[in-house]
Each structure stands twice: as structure tokens, then as C-alpha cells.
Amino acid sequence: MTKRWWRDYPDMTIDSVEIDPVVVDIARRYFGLPDDLRLGVFTTDARRYVQTTDRTYDVIIVDAYYADSLPFHLTTSEFLREVKSRMAPDGVLAYNVISPVGGDRSKLFRTTYRTASGVWEHLWAFPIGLAKDGDTQKRRNIIVLASDADVTRPELLRRVSSSVDGRVKLDGFPAFSADLFGGIVPLADVPVMTDAYAPTDSLIDVR
């Protein structure tokens, strides 16, 4: 993803944070990750990076799975507030969650949604592929967008459908507008994740 953004958006500066130096070495050796001034690669824990950097970002992406689990300290309200402090006022967080979007096995998604809703004004969820199969209880990647930018649902759909006015180069990107979840996300039975209480593993259902 880092390499794709670097190629498609020559005016963009991209920082990637990866805790495992072996992954960085593999990316450079076998996947041609460029050595370029527009690409910063930081080998450290993502939360530690957020806490210590003085940079401000328009977009922050969190995709921090290992096997079937999530580092709990990257799921909490405190972490999300730290992320927000490093974002531009109209910036957006994109958080990847692997979960059903509905049903008894959707607690990880719904907990993430509830926790983020206490930090940002607006949230949108894109369960990838939902428009094709309609199965809300299927485990899938769900991209949760969070922002304080005052963007209405119709405007968000227009931006996705237009490939954000032609700037997004990814083939098939407009089709993602069909995956924008329009249902109610029940939150009463799931916790807000905090540094004191983040039962990540008990919320993940890999069936």
C-alpha cells in the first residue's frame, strides 16, 4: 500500500510504521519499496510513534493485525485520542477491522465503532464485499472511517463514486460506494475499549 500511494500520488509524503524490522527488510529486498525522501519508514511500535512524533497527518491508516489478533493498546480510546492529536482538523482515520458487521459475532466491529464514536463526530463503515453477497454475519474486512470533517453521507458517496474527483487511481474504487453500511450499529452490549479494559481477544471470533 505504501508503494502504491508513493507511485500514484507524487505530491504525497507517506510515513509507514512497522514494529518488525524483518518486515521492513522484506519490503525493501523483495517488494521493491523505494528509498525516497517522500517515504519515511519507522521501525517502532505504532503507539510509541504516535506519542512521540511532531508530524500532522491528513490521513492515518491503522491495520495492525498479527495472525487473528489485534494489539490491544491500538484499540483503546486513549490511543484513538492520541491519533486524533496528530491529525489535521479535517483529517480522517481509516481503521481496518476483520469482523462480521452484524450478529452475535460482530462484537469486535461494534466495540471499535463505539470506541471511535466517542472520539470523532462522524463515522462510516465499509464492509468490503457486502453489496455483493448481503451477508452481514460473514467475517470480512471492514474499513471504519472516522473524522470531524462535516461530510454528509450523500457527499461521501459522491466522492467515492467519482474516485474523489478523479484523483484515486485504484481500479474499481467507485464500486466501494455500494458497501457503505446503512444499518444501525447496536452498541449497548459492547464496551468502550480503554487502556484499563481492552478485552480484544475475547471479542474476536475466527469461525
N, C-alpha and C. Protein backbone atom coordinates (compact mmCIF):
# COMPACT_ATOMS: atom_id res chain seq x y z
N MET A 1 0.83 -1.20 0.00
CA MET A 1 0.00 0.00 0.00
C MET A 1 0.87 1.26 0.00
N THR A 2 1.93 1.24 0.78
CA THR A 2 2.85 2.37 0.80
C THR A 2 3.41 2.65 -0.59
N LYS A 3 3.82 1.60 -1.25
CA LYS A 3 4.41 1.75 -2.58
C LYS A 3 3.38 2.25 -3.58
N ARG A 4 2.14 1.77 -3.47
CA ARG A 4 1.08 2.21 -4.38
C ARG A 4 0.79 3.70 -4.22
N TRP A 5 0.69 4.15 -2.98
CA TRP A 5 0.44 5.57 -2.75
C TRP A 5 1.60 6.42 -3.27
N TRP A 6 2.81 5.95 -3.03
CA TRP A 6 4.01 6.68 -3.49
C TRP A 6 3.99 6.82 -5.01
N ARG A 7 3.56 5.78 -5.70
CA ARG A 7 3.52 5.80 -7.17
C ARG A 7 2.39 6.67 -7.70
N ASP A 8 1.21 6.53 -7.12
CA ASP A 8 0.02 7.18 -7.67
C ASP A 8 -0.09 8.66 -7.32
N TYR A 9 0.53 9.07 -6.22
CA TYR A 9 0.34 10.45 -5.74
C TYR A 9 1.70 11.10 -5.51
N PRO A 10 2.30 11.65 -6.57
CA PRO A 10 3.67 12.17 -6.47
C PRO A 10 3.81 13.38 -5.56
N ASP A 11 2.70 14.02 -5.18
CA ASP A 11 2.79 15.15 -4.25
C ASP A 11 2.60 14.73 -2.80
N MET A 12 2.43 13.45 -2.56
CA MET A 12 2.13 12.96 -1.21
C MET A 12 3.39 12.52 -0.49
N THR A 13 3.47 12.86 0.79
CA THR A 13 4.51 12.35 1.68
C THR A 13 3.89 11.27 2.55
N ILE A 14 4.52 10.12 2.65
CA ILE A 14 3.95 8.95 3.31
C ILE A 14 4.92 8.45 4.37
N ASP A 15 4.41 8.25 5.58
CA ASP A 15 5.18 7.62 6.64
C ASP A 15 4.54 6.29 6.98
N SER A 16 5.37 5.26 7.08
CA SER A 16 4.90 3.93 7.47
C SER A 16 5.58 3.52 8.77
N VAL A 17 4.80 2.92 9.66
CA VAL A 17 5.31 2.49 10.95
C VAL A 17 5.13 0.98 11.05
N GLU A 18 6.22 0.26 11.27
CA GLU A 18 6.20 -1.21 11.33
C GLU A 18 7.08 -1.65 12.50
N ILE A 19 6.52 -2.47 13.37
CA ILE A 19 7.25 -2.86 14.57
C ILE A 19 8.34 -3.88 14.30
N ASP A 20 8.21 -4.66 13.23
CA ASP A 20 9.13 -5.77 12.96
C ASP A 20 10.14 -5.38 11.88
N PRO A 21 11.41 -5.26 12.22
CA PRO A 21 12.41 -4.88 11.22
C PRO A 21 12.54 -5.89 10.08
N VAL A 22 12.19 -7.15 10.33
CA VAL A 22 12.25 -8.16 9.26
C VAL A 22 11.25 -7.83 8.16
N VAL A 23 10.08 -7.35 8.55
CA VAL A 23 9.06 -6.96 7.55
C VAL A 23 9.58 -5.82 6.68
N VAL A 24 10.23 -4.86 7.29
CA VAL A 24 10.80 -3.73 6.53
C VAL A 24 11.86 -4.23 5.57
N ASP A 25 12.72 -5.14 6.04
CA ASP A 25 13.77 -5.70 5.19
C ASP A 25 13.18 -6.45 4.00
N ILE A 26 12.14 -7.24 4.25
CA ILE A 26 11.49 -7.99 3.17
C ILE A 26 10.86 -7.03 2.17
N ALA A 27 10.23 -5.96 2.68
CA ALA A 27 9.59 -4.99 1.79
C ALA A 27 10.62 -4.35 0.85
N ARG A 28 11.79 -4.06 1.37
CA ARG A 28 12.83 -3.43 0.54
C ARG A 28 13.49 -4.45 -0.39
N ARG A 29 13.74 -5.64 0.12
CA ARG A 29 14.50 -6.62 -0.64
C ARG A 29 13.68 -7.31 -1.72
N TYR A 30 12.43 -7.64 -1.40
CA TYR A 30 11.64 -8.47 -2.32
C TYR A 30 10.46 -7.75 -2.97
N PHE A 31 10.03 -6.64 -2.39
CA PHE A 31 8.87 -5.94 -2.92
C PHE A 31 9.20 -4.56 -3.47
N GLY A 32 10.48 -4.24 -3.54
CA GLY A 32 10.92 -3.02 -4.20
C GLY A 32 10.46 -1.74 -3.53
N LEU A 33 10.33 -1.73 -2.20
CA LEU A 33 9.97 -0.50 -1.51
C LEU A 33 11.06 0.54 -1.75
N PRO A 34 10.71 1.67 -2.36
CA PRO A 34 11.75 2.64 -2.76
C PRO A 34 12.40 3.32 -1.56
N ASP A 35 13.62 3.73 -1.77
CA ASP A 35 14.32 4.60 -0.82
C ASP A 35 14.17 6.01 -1.36
N ASP A 36 13.24 6.76 -0.79
CA ASP A 36 12.85 8.04 -1.36
C ASP A 36 12.55 9.02 -0.24
N LEU A 37 12.82 10.29 -0.48
CA LEU A 37 12.59 11.30 0.54
C LEU A 37 11.12 11.44 0.91
N ARG A 38 10.23 11.03 0.00
CA ARG A 38 8.79 11.12 0.29
C ARG A 38 8.29 9.96 1.14
N LEU A 39 9.15 8.98 1.36
CA LEU A 39 8.77 7.79 2.12
C LEU A 39 9.56 7.71 3.42
N GLY A 40 8.86 7.85 4.54
CA GLY A 40 9.50 7.63 5.82
C GLY A 40 9.11 6.26 6.35
N VAL A 41 10.07 5.48 6.78
CA VAL A 41 9.80 4.16 7.34
C VAL A 41 10.37 4.12 8.75
N PHE A 42 9.49 3.89 9.72
CA PHE A 42 9.88 3.93 11.12
C PHE A 42 9.65 2.56 11.74
N THR A 43 10.71 1.97 12.28
CA THR A 43 10.63 0.65 12.88
C THR A 43 10.45 0.82 14.38
N THR A 44 9.19 0.83 14.79
CA THR A 44 8.87 1.03 16.19
C THR A 44 7.41 0.64 16.41
N ASP A 45 6.99 0.63 17.65
CA ASP A 45 5.59 0.39 17.97
C ASP A 45 4.76 1.58 17.51
N ALA A 46 3.60 1.30 16.90
CA ALA A 46 2.79 2.37 16.33
C ALA A 46 2.35 3.38 17.38
N ARG A 47 1.98 2.91 18.54
CA ARG A 47 1.53 3.86 19.57
C ARG A 47 2.69 4.72 20.05
N ARG A 48 3.82 4.12 20.20
CA ARG A 48 5.00 4.89 20.60
C ARG A 48 5.30 5.98 19.57
N TYR A 49 5.16 5.63 18.29
CA TYR A 49 5.39 6.61 17.24
C TYR A 49 4.41 7.77 17.36
N VAL A 50 3.13 7.44 17.52
CA VAL A 50 2.10 8.48 17.62
C VAL A 50 2.37 9.39 18.81
N GLN A 51 2.84 8.82 19.90
CA GLN A 51 3.08 9.60 21.11
C GLN A 51 4.28 10.52 21.00
N THR A 52 5.22 10.20 20.12
CA THR A 52 6.47 10.96 20.08
C THR A 52 6.66 11.82 18.84
N THR A 53 5.91 11.56 17.78
CA THR A 53 6.10 12.35 16.56
C THR A 53 5.50 13.75 16.72
N ASP A 54 6.07 14.70 15.99
CA ASP A 54 5.50 16.04 15.97
C ASP A 54 4.83 16.33 14.62
N ARG A 55 4.66 15.29 13.80
CA ARG A 55 4.06 15.46 12.48
C ARG A 55 2.54 15.45 12.57
N THR A 56 1.92 16.12 11.60
CA THR A 56 0.46 16.16 11.48
C THR A 56 0.08 15.52 10.16
N TYR A 57 -0.99 14.70 10.18
CA TYR A 57 -1.37 13.92 9.01
C TYR A 57 -2.80 14.22 8.58
N ASP A 58 -3.01 14.16 7.27
CA ASP A 58 -4.35 14.28 6.71
C ASP A 58 -5.09 12.95 6.77
N VAL A 59 -4.36 11.85 6.63
CA VAL A 59 -4.93 10.51 6.66
C VAL A 59 -4.04 9.63 7.54
N ILE A 60 -4.65 8.90 8.45
CA ILE A 60 -3.93 7.90 9.24
C ILE A 60 -4.65 6.57 9.08
N ILE A 61 -3.90 5.55 8.70
CA ILE A 61 -4.45 4.22 8.49
C ILE A 61 -3.90 3.29 9.58
N VAL A 62 -4.80 2.57 10.23
CA VAL A 62 -4.40 1.59 11.23
C VAL A 62 -4.80 0.21 10.72
N ASP A 63 -3.80 -0.63 10.49
CA ASP A 63 -4.01 -2.01 10.04
C ASP A 63 -2.96 -2.84 10.74
N ALA A 64 -3.27 -3.29 11.94
CA ALA A 64 -2.23 -3.81 12.83
C ALA A 64 -2.51 -5.22 13.32
N TYR A 65 -3.01 -6.05 12.45
CA TYR A 65 -3.27 -7.44 12.84
C TYR A 65 -1.99 -8.25 12.91
N TYR A 66 -1.96 -9.19 13.84
CA TYR A 66 -0.97 -10.26 13.81
C TYR A 66 -1.73 -11.56 14.00
N ALA A 67 -1.60 -12.46 13.01
CA ALA A 67 -2.43 -13.68 12.97
C ALA A 67 -3.89 -13.25 13.03
N ASP A 68 -4.63 -13.73 14.02
CA ASP A 68 -6.05 -13.39 14.14
C ASP A 68 -6.31 -12.44 15.29
N SER A 69 -5.31 -11.72 15.73
CA SER A 69 -5.47 -10.87 16.90
C SER A 69 -5.05 -9.44 16.60
N LEU A 70 -5.44 -8.54 17.50
CA LEU A 70 -5.09 -7.13 17.42
C LEU A 70 -4.31 -6.74 18.66
N PRO A 71 -3.26 -5.93 18.53
CA PRO A 71 -2.60 -5.40 19.73
C PRO A 71 -3.60 -4.53 20.51
N PHE A 72 -3.89 -4.92 21.73
CA PHE A 72 -4.98 -4.25 22.46
C PHE A 72 -4.72 -2.76 22.64
N HIS A 73 -3.43 -2.37 22.75
CA HIS A 73 -3.14 -0.96 23.03
C HIS A 73 -3.34 -0.07 21.81
N LEU A 74 -3.67 -0.69 20.65
CA LEU A 74 -4.00 0.08 19.46
C LEU A 74 -5.52 0.09 19.20
N THR A 75 -6.29 -0.28 20.21
CA THR A 75 -7.75 -0.32 20.07
C THR A 75 -8.45 0.62 21.05
N THR A 76 -7.73 1.25 21.94
CA THR A 76 -8.37 1.94 23.06
C THR A 76 -8.71 3.39 22.75
N SER A 77 -9.60 3.92 23.57
CA SER A 77 -9.99 5.32 23.44
C SER A 77 -8.79 6.24 23.60
N GLU A 78 -7.91 5.91 24.52
CA GLU A 78 -6.73 6.74 24.73
C GLU A 78 -5.85 6.77 23.49
N PHE A 79 -5.66 5.60 22.88
CA PHE A 79 -4.86 5.56 21.65
C PHE A 79 -5.52 6.38 20.55
N LEU A 80 -6.83 6.22 20.38
CA LEU A 80 -7.51 6.96 19.32
C LEU A 80 -7.43 8.46 19.55
N ARG A 81 -7.47 8.90 20.79
CA ARG A 81 -7.32 10.33 21.07
C ARG A 81 -5.90 10.80 20.75
N GLU A 82 -4.92 9.94 20.99
CA GLU A 82 -3.54 10.27 20.62
C GLU A 82 -3.41 10.39 19.10
N VAL A 83 -4.06 9.47 18.38
CA VAL A 83 -4.07 9.53 16.92
C VAL A 83 -4.71 10.84 16.46
N LYS A 84 -5.84 11.18 17.04
CA LYS A 84 -6.54 12.41 16.65
C LYS A 84 -5.67 13.64 16.87
N SER A 85 -4.86 13.62 17.90
CA SER A 85 -3.99 14.78 18.18
C SER A 85 -2.93 14.98 17.11
N ARG A 86 -2.69 13.95 16.29
CA ARG A 86 -1.69 14.05 15.22
C ARG A 86 -2.35 14.26 13.86
N MET A 87 -3.67 14.46 13.84
CA MET A 87 -4.40 14.64 12.59
C MET A 87 -4.74 16.10 12.34
N ALA A 88 -4.82 16.46 11.06
CA ALA A 88 -5.34 17.77 10.68
C ALA A 88 -6.79 17.87 11.13
N PRO A 89 -7.31 19.10 11.33
CA PRO A 89 -8.69 19.25 11.82
C PRO A 89 -9.73 18.52 10.98
N ASP A 90 -9.52 18.45 9.67
CA ASP A 90 -10.46 17.73 8.80
C ASP A 90 -9.87 16.41 8.31
N GLY A 91 -8.90 15.89 9.05
CA GLY A 91 -8.27 14.63 8.68
C GLY A 91 -9.18 13.44 8.93
N VAL A 92 -8.76 12.29 8.44
CA VAL A 92 -9.58 11.09 8.55
C VAL A 92 -8.72 9.91 9.01
N LEU A 93 -9.30 9.12 9.90
CA LEU A 93 -8.72 7.85 10.31
C LEU A 93 -9.40 6.75 9.51
N ALA A 94 -8.61 5.81 8.99
CA ALA A 94 -9.15 4.60 8.36
C ALA A 94 -8.63 3.42 9.17
N TYR A 95 -9.55 2.70 9.80
CA TYR A 95 -9.18 1.61 10.72
C TYR A 95 -9.74 0.31 10.15
N ASN A 96 -8.86 -0.65 9.92
CA ASN A 96 -9.26 -1.94 9.37
C ASN A 96 -9.64 -2.90 10.50
N VAL A 97 -10.87 -3.39 10.44
CA VAL A 97 -11.36 -4.38 11.40
C VAL A 97 -11.80 -5.61 10.63
N ILE A 98 -11.43 -6.80 11.11
CA ILE A 98 -11.88 -8.04 10.48
C ILE A 98 -12.94 -8.65 11.38
N SER A 99 -14.19 -8.61 10.90
CA SER A 99 -15.31 -8.98 11.74
C SER A 99 -16.57 -9.04 10.89
N PRO A 100 -17.59 -9.77 11.31
CA PRO A 100 -18.90 -9.55 10.71
C PRO A 100 -19.39 -8.15 11.07
N VAL A 101 -20.29 -7.61 10.28
CA VAL A 101 -20.84 -6.30 10.58
C VAL A 101 -22.10 -6.40 11.42
N GLY A 102 -22.70 -7.59 11.51
CA GLY A 102 -23.90 -7.80 12.30
C GLY A 102 -23.91 -9.16 12.95
N GLY A 103 -24.85 -9.39 13.85
CA GLY A 103 -24.98 -10.68 14.51
C GLY A 103 -24.13 -10.79 15.77
N ASP A 104 -24.23 -11.94 16.41
CA ASP A 104 -23.55 -12.16 17.69
C ASP A 104 -22.03 -12.12 17.57
N ARG A 105 -21.49 -12.38 16.38
CA ARG A 105 -20.03 -12.44 16.21
C ARG A 105 -19.43 -11.10 15.79
N SER A 106 -20.22 -10.04 15.85
CA SER A 106 -19.76 -8.73 15.36
C SER A 106 -19.25 -7.82 16.47
N LYS A 107 -18.98 -8.38 17.64
CA LYS A 107 -18.65 -7.53 18.78
C LYS A 107 -17.36 -6.73 18.57
N LEU A 108 -16.39 -7.28 17.87
CA LEU A 108 -15.15 -6.53 17.65
C LEU A 108 -15.43 -5.26 16.83
N PHE A 109 -16.18 -5.42 15.74
CA PHE A 109 -16.53 -4.25 14.93
C PHE A 109 -17.33 -3.25 15.75
N ARG A 110 -18.33 -3.74 16.47
CA ARG A 110 -19.21 -2.82 17.18
C ARG A 110 -18.49 -2.13 18.34
N THR A 111 -17.55 -2.83 18.97
CA THR A 111 -16.74 -2.21 20.02
C THR A 111 -15.83 -1.13 19.44
N THR A 112 -15.21 -1.43 18.32
CA THR A 112 -14.38 -0.43 17.64
C THR A 112 -15.20 0.80 17.27
N TYR A 113 -16.38 0.56 16.75
CA TYR A 113 -17.27 1.64 16.34
C TYR A 113 -17.68 2.49 17.55
N ARG A 114 -18.04 1.82 18.64
CA ARG A 114 -18.44 2.57 19.83
C ARG A 114 -17.28 3.38 20.40
N THR A 115 -16.10 2.78 20.44
CA THR A 115 -14.94 3.48 20.98
C THR A 115 -14.59 4.70 20.14
N ALA A 116 -14.58 4.53 18.82
CA ALA A 116 -14.24 5.64 17.93
C ALA A 116 -15.30 6.73 17.95
N SER A 117 -16.56 6.35 18.18
CA SER A 117 -17.64 7.34 18.18
C SER A 117 -17.53 8.29 19.36
N GLY A 118 -16.77 7.91 20.37
CA GLY A 118 -16.53 8.81 21.49
C GLY A 118 -15.38 9.77 21.25
N VAL A 119 -14.73 9.64 20.10
CA VAL A 119 -13.57 10.48 19.79
C VAL A 119 -13.84 11.40 18.61
N TRP A 120 -14.54 10.89 17.59
CA TRP A 120 -14.83 11.67 16.38
C TRP A 120 -16.33 11.91 16.23
N GLU A 121 -16.66 12.97 15.51
CA GLU A 121 -18.05 13.35 15.28
C GLU A 121 -18.75 12.42 14.28
N HIS A 122 -18.01 11.98 13.28
CA HIS A 122 -18.63 11.23 12.18
C HIS A 122 -17.90 9.92 11.96
N LEU A 123 -18.67 8.84 11.79
CA LEU A 123 -18.12 7.53 11.48
C LEU A 123 -18.88 6.94 10.30
N TRP A 124 -18.15 6.22 9.45
CA TRP A 124 -18.74 5.48 8.35
C TRP A 124 -18.06 4.13 8.28
N ALA A 125 -18.81 3.09 7.96
CA ALA A 125 -18.25 1.74 7.88
C ALA A 125 -18.46 1.18 6.47
N PHE A 126 -17.40 0.62 5.92
CA PHE A 126 -17.45 -0.02 4.60
C PHE A 126 -17.09 -1.50 4.76
N PRO A 127 -18.08 -2.37 4.97
CA PRO A 127 -17.80 -3.82 4.99
C PRO A 127 -17.53 -4.28 3.55
N ILE A 128 -16.30 -4.62 3.25
CA ILE A 128 -15.89 -4.87 1.88
C ILE A 128 -16.59 -6.12 1.32
N GLY A 129 -17.29 -5.93 0.21
CA GLY A 129 -17.99 -7.03 -0.43
C GLY A 129 -19.42 -7.23 0.03
N LEU A 130 -19.89 -6.43 0.98
CA LEU A 130 -21.24 -6.60 1.49
C LEU A 130 -22.29 -6.39 0.40
N ALA A 131 -22.04 -5.46 -0.49
CA ALA A 131 -23.02 -5.19 -1.55
C ALA A 131 -23.20 -6.39 -2.47
N LYS A 132 -22.19 -7.23 -2.60
CA LYS A 132 -22.27 -8.38 -3.49
C LYS A 132 -23.03 -9.55 -2.88
N ASP A 133 -22.78 -9.83 -1.59
CA ASP A 133 -23.40 -11.02 -1.01
C ASP A 133 -24.46 -10.72 0.04
N GLY A 134 -24.48 -9.50 0.57
CA GLY A 134 -25.50 -9.11 1.52
C GLY A 134 -25.46 -9.83 2.86
N ASP A 135 -24.37 -10.56 3.13
CA ASP A 135 -24.28 -11.38 4.33
C ASP A 135 -23.66 -10.58 5.47
N THR A 136 -24.49 -10.04 6.36
CA THR A 136 -23.97 -9.22 7.46
C THR A 136 -23.25 -10.04 8.52
N GLN A 137 -23.42 -11.37 8.50
CA GLN A 137 -22.79 -12.21 9.52
C GLN A 137 -21.52 -12.90 9.01
N LYS A 138 -21.08 -12.53 7.82
CA LYS A 138 -19.85 -13.06 7.26
C LYS A 138 -18.65 -12.25 7.76
N ARG A 139 -17.60 -12.95 8.17
CA ARG A 139 -16.38 -12.27 8.62
C ARG A 139 -15.67 -11.67 7.40
N ARG A 140 -15.36 -10.39 7.48
CA ARG A 140 -14.76 -9.70 6.35
C ARG A 140 -13.99 -8.47 6.84
N ASN A 141 -13.21 -7.88 5.95
CA ASN A 141 -12.58 -6.60 6.26
C ASN A 141 -13.64 -5.51 6.29
N ILE A 142 -13.62 -4.73 7.34
CA ILE A 142 -14.50 -3.56 7.46
C ILE A 142 -13.60 -2.35 7.65
N ILE A 143 -13.71 -1.39 6.75
CA ILE A 143 -12.94 -0.16 6.88
C ILE A 143 -13.82 0.87 7.58
N VAL A 144 -13.41 1.23 8.79
CA VAL A 144 -14.12 2.25 9.56
C VAL A 144 -13.41 3.58 9.35
N LEU A 145 -14.14 4.54 8.80
CA LEU A 145 -13.63 5.89 8.63
C LEU A 145 -14.14 6.76 9.76
N ALA A 146 -13.28 7.57 10.34
CA ALA A 146 -13.66 8.47 11.43
C ALA A 146 -13.07 9.84 11.16
N SER A 147 -13.88 10.88 11.35
CA SER A 147 -13.42 12.24 11.06
C SER A 147 -14.33 13.25 11.74
N ASP A 148 -13.80 14.44 11.97
CA ASP A 148 -14.62 15.57 12.40
C ASP A 148 -15.02 16.43 11.22
N ALA A 149 -14.56 16.09 10.02
CA ALA A 149 -14.96 16.85 8.83
C ALA A 149 -16.47 16.70 8.63
N ASP A 150 -17.11 17.81 8.33
CA ASP A 150 -18.57 17.81 8.19
C ASP A 150 -18.95 17.36 6.79
N VAL A 151 -18.89 16.04 6.59
CA VAL A 151 -19.19 15.44 5.28
C VAL A 151 -20.47 14.62 5.44
N THR A 152 -21.46 14.93 4.64
CA THR A 152 -22.72 14.19 4.70
C THR A 152 -22.56 12.84 4.01
N ARG A 153 -23.49 11.94 4.31
CA ARG A 153 -23.47 10.64 3.64
C ARG A 153 -23.58 10.77 2.12
N PRO A 154 -24.51 11.58 1.59
CA PRO A 154 -24.55 11.74 0.13
C PRO A 154 -23.26 12.28 -0.46
N GLU A 155 -22.62 13.21 0.26
CA GLU A 155 -21.37 13.76 -0.25
C GLU A 155 -20.26 12.72 -0.22
N LEU A 156 -20.21 11.92 0.83
CA LEU A 156 -19.22 10.85 0.89
C LEU A 156 -19.41 9.87 -0.26
N LEU A 157 -20.65 9.48 -0.52
CA LEU A 157 -20.93 8.58 -1.62
C LEU A 157 -20.54 9.19 -2.96
N ARG A 158 -20.79 10.49 -3.11
CA ARG A 158 -20.41 11.16 -4.36
C ARG A 158 -18.89 11.14 -4.54
N ARG A 159 -18.17 11.37 -3.44
CA ARG A 159 -16.71 11.39 -3.54
C ARG A 159 -16.17 10.01 -3.91
N VAL A 160 -16.71 8.96 -3.29
CA VAL A 160 -16.24 7.61 -3.62
C VAL A 160 -16.60 7.27 -5.06
N SER A 161 -17.84 7.57 -5.45
CA SER A 161 -18.29 7.23 -6.80
C SER A 161 -17.50 7.96 -7.87
N SER A 162 -16.99 9.15 -7.55
CA SER A 162 -16.21 9.92 -8.51
C SER A 162 -14.72 9.67 -8.39
N SER A 163 -14.35 8.62 -7.62
CA SER A 163 -12.93 8.39 -7.30
C SER A 163 -12.30 9.66 -6.75
N VAL A 164 -13.06 10.31 -5.84
CA VAL A 164 -12.67 11.59 -5.24
C VAL A 164 -12.18 12.52 -6.35
N ASP A 165 -13.14 12.81 -7.22
CA ASP A 165 -12.93 13.75 -8.33
C ASP A 165 -11.76 13.34 -9.23
N GLY A 166 -11.64 12.03 -9.44
CA GLY A 166 -10.67 11.52 -10.40
C GLY A 166 -9.26 11.35 -9.89
N ARG A 167 -9.02 11.63 -8.63
CA ARG A 167 -7.64 11.55 -8.12
C ARG A 167 -7.24 10.15 -7.68
N VAL A 168 -8.22 9.31 -7.30
CA VAL A 168 -7.90 7.95 -6.86
C VAL A 168 -7.69 7.07 -8.08
N LYS A 169 -6.56 6.40 -8.14
CA LYS A 169 -6.17 5.62 -9.32
C LYS A 169 -6.54 4.14 -9.23
N LEU A 170 -7.04 3.70 -8.09
CA LEU A 170 -7.32 2.28 -7.89
C LEU A 170 -8.49 1.84 -8.75
N ASP A 171 -8.27 0.81 -9.58
CA ASP A 171 -9.35 0.29 -10.42
C ASP A 171 -10.51 -0.21 -9.55
N GLY A 172 -11.72 0.11 -9.95
CA GLY A 172 -12.88 -0.37 -9.23
C GLY A 172 -13.23 0.40 -7.97
N PHE A 173 -12.50 1.47 -7.69
CA PHE A 173 -12.75 2.22 -6.45
C PHE A 173 -14.19 2.72 -6.34
N PRO A 174 -14.80 3.23 -7.41
CA PRO A 174 -16.18 3.74 -7.27
C PRO A 174 -17.17 2.69 -6.75
N ALA A 175 -16.89 1.41 -7.01
CA ALA A 175 -17.81 0.36 -6.57
C ALA A 175 -17.88 0.25 -5.05
N PHE A 176 -16.87 0.77 -4.36
CA PHE A 176 -16.89 0.69 -2.90
C PHE A 176 -18.03 1.51 -2.30
N SER A 177 -18.57 2.45 -3.06
CA SER A 177 -19.68 3.24 -2.52
C SER A 177 -20.87 2.35 -2.18
N ALA A 178 -21.02 1.24 -2.88
CA ALA A 178 -22.14 0.34 -2.61
C ALA A 178 -21.99 -0.39 -1.29
N ASP A 179 -20.76 -0.44 -0.75
CA ASP A 179 -20.52 -1.15 0.51
C ASP A 179 -20.74 -0.28 1.74
N LEU A 180 -21.01 1.00 1.58
CA LEU A 180 -21.22 1.86 2.75
C LEU A 180 -22.40 1.33 3.56
N PHE A 181 -22.14 0.99 4.80
CA PHE A 181 -23.16 0.36 5.64
C PHE A 181 -24.20 1.38 6.07
N GLY A 182 -25.46 1.04 5.87
CA GLY A 182 -26.52 1.96 6.21
C GLY A 182 -27.38 1.49 7.37
N GLY A 183 -27.03 0.38 7.95
CA GLY A 183 -27.83 -0.16 9.05
C GLY A 183 -27.47 0.45 10.40
N ILE A 184 -28.27 0.13 11.39
CA ILE A 184 -27.99 0.55 12.76
C ILE A 184 -26.90 -0.34 13.34
N VAL A 185 -25.94 0.26 14.04
CA VAL A 185 -24.89 -0.49 14.71
C VAL A 185 -25.23 -0.55 16.19
N PRO A 186 -25.71 -1.69 16.71
CA PRO A 186 -26.07 -1.79 18.13
C PRO A 186 -24.82 -1.69 19.02
N LEU A 187 -24.90 -0.84 20.02
CA LEU A 187 -23.72 -0.58 20.84
C LEU A 187 -23.92 -0.89 22.33
N ALA A 188 -25.14 -1.14 22.75
CA ALA A 188 -25.44 -1.26 24.18
C ALA A 188 -24.74 -2.43 24.85
N ASP A 189 -24.44 -3.49 24.09
CA ASP A 189 -23.89 -4.69 24.71
C ASP A 189 -22.38 -4.82 24.52
N VAL A 190 -21.72 -3.77 24.04
CA VAL A 190 -20.27 -3.83 23.84
C VAL A 190 -19.61 -2.69 24.62
N PRO A 191 -18.36 -2.91 25.06
CA PRO A 191 -17.70 -1.90 25.89
C PRO A 191 -17.00 -0.84 25.06
N VAL A 192 -16.66 0.26 25.72
CA VAL A 192 -15.68 1.20 25.19
C VAL A 192 -14.31 0.67 25.59
N MET A 193 -13.43 0.52 24.63
CA MET A 193 -12.10 -0.01 24.92
C MET A 193 -11.25 1.09 25.57
N THR A 194 -10.60 0.76 26.67
CA THR A 194 -9.73 1.70 27.36
C THR A 194 -8.41 1.02 27.69
N ASP A 195 -7.43 1.80 28.08
CA ASP A 195 -6.16 1.20 28.49
C ASP A 195 -6.33 0.30 29.70
N ALA A 196 -7.35 0.58 30.51
CA ALA A 196 -7.60 -0.25 31.69
C ALA A 196 -8.44 -1.48 31.37
N TYR A 197 -9.17 -1.44 30.25
CA TYR A 197 -10.06 -2.56 29.92
C TYR A 197 -10.18 -2.66 28.40
N ALA A 198 -9.46 -3.61 27.84
CA ALA A 198 -9.50 -3.81 26.39
C ALA A 198 -9.44 -5.31 26.09
N PRO A 199 -10.56 -6.01 26.24
CA PRO A 199 -10.58 -7.48 26.07
C PRO A 199 -10.61 -7.89 24.60
N THR A 200 -9.61 -7.50 23.87
CA THR A 200 -9.59 -7.68 22.42
C THR A 200 -9.78 -9.14 22.02
N ASP A 201 -9.00 -10.02 22.63
CA ASP A 201 -9.04 -11.41 22.21
C ASP A 201 -10.41 -12.05 22.42
N SER A 202 -11.11 -11.67 23.47
CA SER A 202 -12.42 -12.27 23.73
C SER A 202 -13.48 -11.75 22.77
N LEU A 203 -13.20 -10.66 22.04
CA LEU A 203 -14.15 -10.11 21.10
C LEU A 203 -13.98 -10.66 19.68
N ILE A 204 -12.86 -11.31 19.44
CA ILE A 204 -12.58 -11.82 18.11
C ILE A 204 -13.12 -13.23 17.96
N ASP A 205 -13.90 -13.43 16.92
CA ASP A 205 -14.47 -14.74 16.60
C ASP A 205 -13.97 -15.14 15.23
N VAL A 206 -13.11 -16.17 15.16
CA VAL A 206 -12.47 -16.54 13.90
C VAL A 206 -13.20 -17.67 13.18
N ARG A 207 -14.39 -18.03 13.64
CA ARG A 207 -15.13 -19.11 12.97
C ARG A 207 -15.53 -18.70 11.57
